[in-house]
Protein backbone atom coordinates (compact mmCIF):
# COMPACT_ATOMS: atom_id res chain seq x y z
CA LYS A 1 9.90 26.21 9.25
CA ILE A 2 9.25 23.48 6.68
CA ASN A 3 12.04 22.06 4.52
CA GLN A 4 10.78 22.33 0.95
CA ALA A 5 14.01 21.05 -0.63
CA LEU A 6 13.88 17.48 0.71
CA THR A 7 12.12 15.25 -1.83
CA GLY A 8 12.98 11.78 -0.51
CA ILE A 9 13.42 10.01 2.82
CA ASP A 10 14.97 6.55 3.12
CA LEU A 11 14.45 4.88 6.50
CA SER A 12 15.08 1.34 5.25
CA TYR A 13 15.76 -1.23 7.97
CA CYS A 14 15.09 1.23 10.79
CA SER A 15 13.33 -1.51 12.72
CA GLY A 16 13.59 0.39 16.00
CA ILE A 17 11.01 2.91 14.87
CA GLY A 18 7.64 1.97 16.31
CA ASP A 19 4.14 3.29 15.89
CA ASP A 20 4.93 6.53 17.76
CA GLY A 21 7.69 7.34 15.28
CA TRP A 22 5.38 6.63 12.35
CA LYS A 23 2.74 8.88 13.89
CA ALA A 24 5.30 11.71 14.06
CA LEU A 25 6.28 11.09 10.43
CA ALA A 26 2.60 11.18 9.46
CA GLU A 27 2.22 14.62 11.04
CA GLY A 28 5.09 15.81 8.86
CA LEU A 29 3.42 14.41 5.75
CA LYS A 30 0.35 16.50 6.48
CA ILE A 31 2.29 19.74 6.06
CA ASN A 32 5.23 18.93 3.74
CA GLN A 33 4.38 19.31 0.07
CA ALA A 34 7.89 18.71 -1.31
CA LEU A 35 8.49 15.09 -0.30
CA THR A 36 7.78 12.79 -3.25
CA SER A 37 9.13 9.44 -2.03
CA ILE A 38 9.53 7.57 1.22
CA ASP A 39 11.30 4.24 1.63
CA LEU A 40 10.42 2.22 4.73
CA PHE A 41 11.76 -1.11 3.44
CA GLY A 42 12.27 -3.64 6.22
CA CYS A 43 10.89 -1.42 8.97
CA THR A 44 9.45 -4.24 11.01
CA GLY A 45 8.40 -1.97 13.88
CA ILE A 46 5.53 -0.47 11.92
CA GLY A 47 2.19 -2.02 12.73
CA ASP A 48 -1.41 -1.27 11.93
CA GLU A 49 -1.52 1.75 14.29
CA GLY A 50 1.53 3.34 12.70
CA TRP A 51 0.24 2.62 9.23
CA LYS A 52 -3.18 4.06 10.09
CA ALA A 53 -1.43 7.28 11.13
CA LEU A 54 0.64 7.32 7.92
CA ALA A 55 -2.50 6.77 5.85
CA GLU A 56 -4.13 9.76 7.57
CA GLY A 57 -1.10 11.84 6.62
CA LEU A 58 -1.29 10.59 3.04
CA LYS A 59 -4.95 11.57 2.79
CA ILE A 60 -3.86 15.19 3.17
CA ASN A 61 -0.45 15.09 1.45
CA GLN A 62 -0.65 15.94 -2.23
CA ALA A 63 3.01 15.54 -3.16
CA LEU A 64 4.12 12.00 -2.30
CA THR A 65 4.14 9.76 -5.37
CA SER A 66 5.91 6.63 -4.09
CA ILE A 67 5.98 4.68 -0.84
CA ASN A 68 7.94 1.48 -0.25
CA LEU A 69 6.65 -0.63 2.64
CA SER A 70 8.30 -3.85 1.47
CA GLY A 71 9.05 -6.21 4.33
CA CYS A 72 6.96 -4.28 6.85
CA CYS A 73 5.53 -7.49 8.28
CA GLY A 74 3.38 -5.72 10.88
CA ILE A 75 0.97 -4.39 8.28
CA GLY A 76 -2.24 -6.40 8.25
CA TYR A 77 -5.93 -5.96 7.56
CA LYS A 78 -6.32 -2.75 9.61
CA GLY A 79 -3.38 -1.17 7.84
CA CYS A 80 -4.78 -2.17 4.45
CA LYS A 81 -8.17 -0.76 5.40
CA ALA A 82 -6.52 2.55 6.34
CA LEU A 83 -4.59 2.54 3.05
CA ALA A 84 -7.82 1.90 1.13
CA GLU A 85 -9.39 4.94 2.80
CA CYS A 86 -6.31 6.98 1.92
CA LEU A 87 -6.55 5.90 -1.73
CA LYS A 88 -10.07 7.31 -1.88
CA PHE A 89 -8.66 10.80 -1.23
CA ASN A 90 -5.03 10.85 -2.37
CA GLN A 91 -4.62 11.51 -6.07
CA THR A 92 -0.82 11.85 -6.25
CA LEU A 93 0.40 8.48 -4.98
CA THR A 94 1.30 6.43 -8.06
CA ASN A 95 3.44 3.60 -6.65
CA ILE A 96 2.96 1.45 -3.54
CA ASN A 97 5.26 -1.46 -2.70
CA LEU A 98 3.75 -3.87 -0.17
CA SER A 99 5.89 -6.86 -1.16
CA ASP A 100 6.66 -9.31 1.63
CA CYS A 101 4.08 -7.70 3.95
CA ARG A 102 2.93 -11.04 5.21
CA GLY A 103 -0.04 -9.88 7.27
CA ILE A 104 -2.08 -8.66 4.31
CA GLY A 105 -3.87 -11.84 3.23
CA ASP A 106 -7.21 -12.05 1.44
CA LYS A 107 -8.95 -9.77 3.92
CA GLY A 108 -6.36 -7.04 3.34
CA CYS A 109 -6.73 -7.44 -0.43
CA LYS A 110 -10.49 -6.98 -0.13
CA ALA A 111 -9.90 -3.72 1.73
CA LEU A 112 -7.36 -2.51 -0.85
CA ALA A 113 -9.76 -3.35 -3.67
CA GLU A 114 -12.31 -0.92 -2.22
CA GLY A 115 -9.77 1.89 -2.42
CA LEU A 116 -8.77 0.89 -5.95
CA LYS A 117 -12.38 1.25 -7.09
CA ILE A 118 -12.22 4.98 -6.37
CA ASN A 119 -8.56 5.93 -6.85
CA GLN A 120 -7.54 6.95 -10.36
CA ALA A 121 -3.92 7.92 -9.68
CA LEU A 122 -2.17 4.74 -8.55
CA THR A 123 -0.40 3.09 -11.48
CA SER A 124 1.58 0.34 -9.72
CA ILE A 125 1.06 -1.85 -6.67
CA ASN A 126 3.43 -4.61 -5.62
CA LEU A 127 1.93 -7.38 -3.48
CA SER A 128 4.57 -9.98 -4.33
CA GLN A 129 5.92 -12.55 -1.90
CA VAL A 130 2.90 -12.32 0.41
CA HIS A 131 2.99 -16.05 0.95
CA CYS A 132 3.01 -16.68 4.69
CA SER A 133 -0.53 -15.68 5.61
CA GLY A 134 -1.15 -15.50 1.97
CA ILE A 135 -3.06 -13.81 -0.71
CA GLY A 136 -5.18 -16.48 -2.32
CA ASP A 137 -8.01 -16.74 -4.80
CA GLU A 138 -10.42 -14.74 -2.63
CA GLY A 139 -8.03 -11.79 -2.45
CA CYS A 140 -7.25 -12.11 -6.13
CA ARG A 141 -10.96 -12.02 -7.01
CA ALA A 142 -11.44 -8.90 -4.86
CA LEU A 143 -8.52 -7.15 -6.55
CA ALA A 144 -9.89 -8.10 -9.98
CA GLU A 145 -13.26 -6.57 -9.03
CA GLY A 146 -11.55 -3.36 -7.97
CA LEU A 147 -9.53 -3.26 -11.16
CA LYS A 148 -12.64 -3.58 -13.33
CA ILE A 149 -13.52 -0.07 -12.18
CA ASN A 150 -10.01 1.36 -11.81
CA GLN A 151 -8.63 2.57 -15.12
CA ALA A 152 -5.30 3.94 -13.86
CA LEU A 153 -3.44 0.91 -12.51
CA THR A 154 -1.07 -0.41 -15.15
CA SER A 155 0.94 -2.89 -13.05
CA ILE A 156 0.11 -5.29 -10.25
CA ASP A 157 2.73 -7.74 -8.99
CA LEU A 158 1.36 -10.86 -7.33
CA SER A 159 4.44 -13.03 -7.87
CA GLY A 160 5.12 -15.49 -5.07
CA CYS A 161 1.52 -15.39 -3.81
CA ARG A 162 1.31 -19.16 -3.59
CA GLY A 163 -2.34 -19.19 -2.54
CA ILE A 164 -3.46 -18.07 -5.99
CA SER A 165 -4.70 -20.98 -8.09
CA ASP A 166 -6.73 -21.45 -11.27
CA ASP A 167 -9.72 -19.61 -9.78
CA GLY A 168 -7.64 -16.51 -9.07
CA CYS A 169 -6.26 -16.56 -12.61
CA LYS A 170 -9.77 -16.84 -14.01
CA ALA A 171 -10.74 -13.70 -12.09
CA LEU A 172 -7.75 -11.85 -13.52
CA LYS A 173 -8.52 -13.15 -17.01
CA ALA A 174 -11.88 -11.40 -16.85
CA LEU A 175 -9.99 -8.08 -16.80
CA ALA A 176 -8.75 -8.71 -20.33
CA GLU A 177 -12.21 -9.33 -21.72
């Protein structure tokens, strides 16, 4: 039996949950059409394998509108690539918070940009505070290219991305032209 009353799950700071737990959660996302938000803030046990499983669940789920992965430091390029694939299919997810996910970097931004080129549902993405392995100008340029095609995104937060310089700002400026 599927619980159709539950619309939100908050697992913030459940750092003991590893990839196997995320895979189980992903299986639930494939069948539950009531859940609209999931908060995984500070879940440091999630890595690329867990995120790939979640992304597979999100490809199928057509109810979830918001996911908070802030502080999930294990998410890197492979996780971003899986998310980009998910964005090509999922048309209900409107808000993704990837702030302080330090493994993303420029390569992860390039992957996300590919998903943004196709997705027309996402309205907000938070990539703030990704300063350790950093989003820089290259990632910023890739995001700007994706946003030239994407007409849905209304907000992108890159605050604290210390690798972005004048070149990155020039790429973003082109969006206003």
